[in-house]
Amino acid sequence: MVSRSVARAVATVLAGTVALVAAPAAAHADTGTIGQRETVCAADLFVRTQPNGAWMGTLYQGQTFLVEGPRSGGYVYGFAYGHINRRGWVQDGWFC
């Protein structure tokens, strides 16, 4: 016979597992398309002077970035609109 505390613990674990399976998937972010003005899906996205270089500003979710290319080490070059308003590099893969 299983004790009540063990039965409750098993029920709690199973309920948590069901909740994880039933939870909707996170929004899928895409890589930028060269020549397209893309919308940032990430909460924030650093604009840098070069791939993994010095920070020069932050784009926030909903702001836009014109992907001009090239790509280098997971970063893409382009123009950051909004309050930054200049060219730089952002980590690729965080666009809607």
Protein backbone atom coordinates (compact mmCIF):
# COMPACT_ATOMS: atom_id res chain seq x y z
CA MET A 1 0.00 0.00 0.00
CA VAL A 2 1.29 3.51 -0.89
CA SER A 3 1.26 6.17 1.80
CA ARG A 4 -0.79 9.31 1.26
CA SER A 5 2.31 11.57 1.23
CA VAL A 6 3.91 9.49 -1.52
CA ALA A 7 0.66 9.49 -3.50
CA ARG A 8 0.43 13.30 -3.18
CA ALA A 9 4.06 13.71 -4.27
CA VAL A 10 3.47 11.53 -7.34
CA ALA A 11 0.28 13.44 -8.18
CA THR A 12 2.14 16.77 -7.88
CA VAL A 13 4.95 15.59 -10.19
CA LEU A 14 2.47 14.26 -12.74
CA ALA A 15 0.44 17.49 -12.66
CA GLY A 16 3.61 19.49 -13.26
CA THR A 17 4.56 17.24 -16.17
CA VAL A 18 1.14 17.66 -17.76
CA ALA A 19 1.40 21.44 -17.36
CA LEU A 20 4.79 21.46 -19.10
CA VAL A 21 3.51 19.37 -22.00
CA ALA A 22 0.35 21.47 -22.37
CA ALA A 23 2.19 24.83 -22.27
CA PRO A 24 2.35 26.61 -25.62
CA ALA A 25 5.71 26.73 -27.38
CA ALA A 26 7.73 29.93 -27.15
CA ALA A 27 7.60 32.29 -30.11
CA HIS A 28 10.02 31.17 -32.79
CA ALA A 29 12.61 33.75 -33.81
CA ASP A 30 14.11 33.73 -37.30
CA THR A 31 17.36 34.75 -38.90
CA GLY A 32 17.32 38.03 -40.77
CA THR A 33 16.82 38.18 -44.53
CA ILE A 34 19.30 40.41 -46.33
CA GLY A 35 17.51 43.43 -47.78
CA GLN A 36 14.57 43.16 -45.37
CA ARG A 37 13.67 45.45 -42.48
CA GLU A 38 13.11 42.93 -39.69
CA THR A 39 11.24 43.30 -36.39
CA VAL A 40 13.10 42.34 -33.20
CA CYS A 41 11.41 39.44 -31.36
CA ALA A 42 13.86 39.33 -28.44
CA ALA A 43 13.18 41.41 -25.32
CA ASP A 44 16.37 43.32 -26.17
CA LEU A 45 19.10 43.03 -28.78
CA PHE A 46 22.49 44.70 -28.47
CA VAL A 47 23.83 46.67 -31.43
CA ARG A 48 27.61 46.38 -31.60
CA THR A 49 30.49 48.01 -33.49
CA GLN A 50 31.57 44.60 -34.87
CA PRO A 51 30.63 40.95 -34.24
CA ASN A 52 30.86 40.49 -30.45
CA GLY A 53 32.42 43.98 -30.29
CA ALA A 54 31.72 47.06 -28.21
CA TRP A 55 28.09 47.84 -27.34
CA MET A 56 26.66 50.98 -28.96
CA GLY A 57 22.96 50.65 -28.24
CA THR A 58 20.02 48.34 -27.58
CA LEU A 59 17.05 47.53 -29.78
CA TYR A 60 13.93 46.42 -27.92
CA GLN A 61 11.14 44.03 -28.89
CA GLY A 62 9.08 45.52 -31.71
CA GLN A 63 11.82 47.84 -32.98
CA THR A 64 13.31 47.27 -36.43
CA PHE A 65 16.66 46.50 -38.05
CA LEU A 66 17.41 46.62 -41.79
CA VAL A 67 19.53 43.56 -42.55
CA GLU A 68 22.17 44.62 -45.06
CA GLY A 69 24.63 41.74 -44.66
CA PRO A 70 27.20 40.29 -44.45
CA ARG A 71 26.99 37.64 -41.72
CA SER A 72 29.90 36.81 -39.46
CA GLY A 73 30.10 34.46 -36.47
CA GLY A 74 26.37 34.49 -35.77
CA TYR A 75 26.05 38.26 -36.26
CA VAL A 76 24.56 40.26 -39.12
CA TYR A 77 25.32 43.82 -40.27
CA GLY A 78 22.70 46.46 -40.92
CA PHE A 79 20.92 49.64 -39.87
CA ALA A 80 19.28 49.93 -36.43
CA TYR A 81 16.24 52.21 -36.58
CA GLY A 82 14.66 54.09 -33.70
CA HIS A 83 16.72 55.86 -31.06
CA ILE A 84 19.98 54.24 -32.28
CA ASN A 85 19.66 55.27 -35.94
CA ARG A 86 23.00 53.96 -37.17
CA ARG A 87 24.69 50.94 -38.69
CA GLY A 88 26.09 48.14 -36.62
CA TRP A 89 26.08 44.42 -35.91
CA VAL A 90 23.41 42.41 -34.05
CA GLN A 91 23.22 38.77 -33.09
CA ASP A 92 21.30 37.00 -35.85
CA GLY A 93 18.28 34.80 -35.15
CA TRP A 94 16.23 37.18 -33.00
CA PHE A 95 13.78 38.52 -35.59
CA CYS A 96 10.05 37.78 -35.94
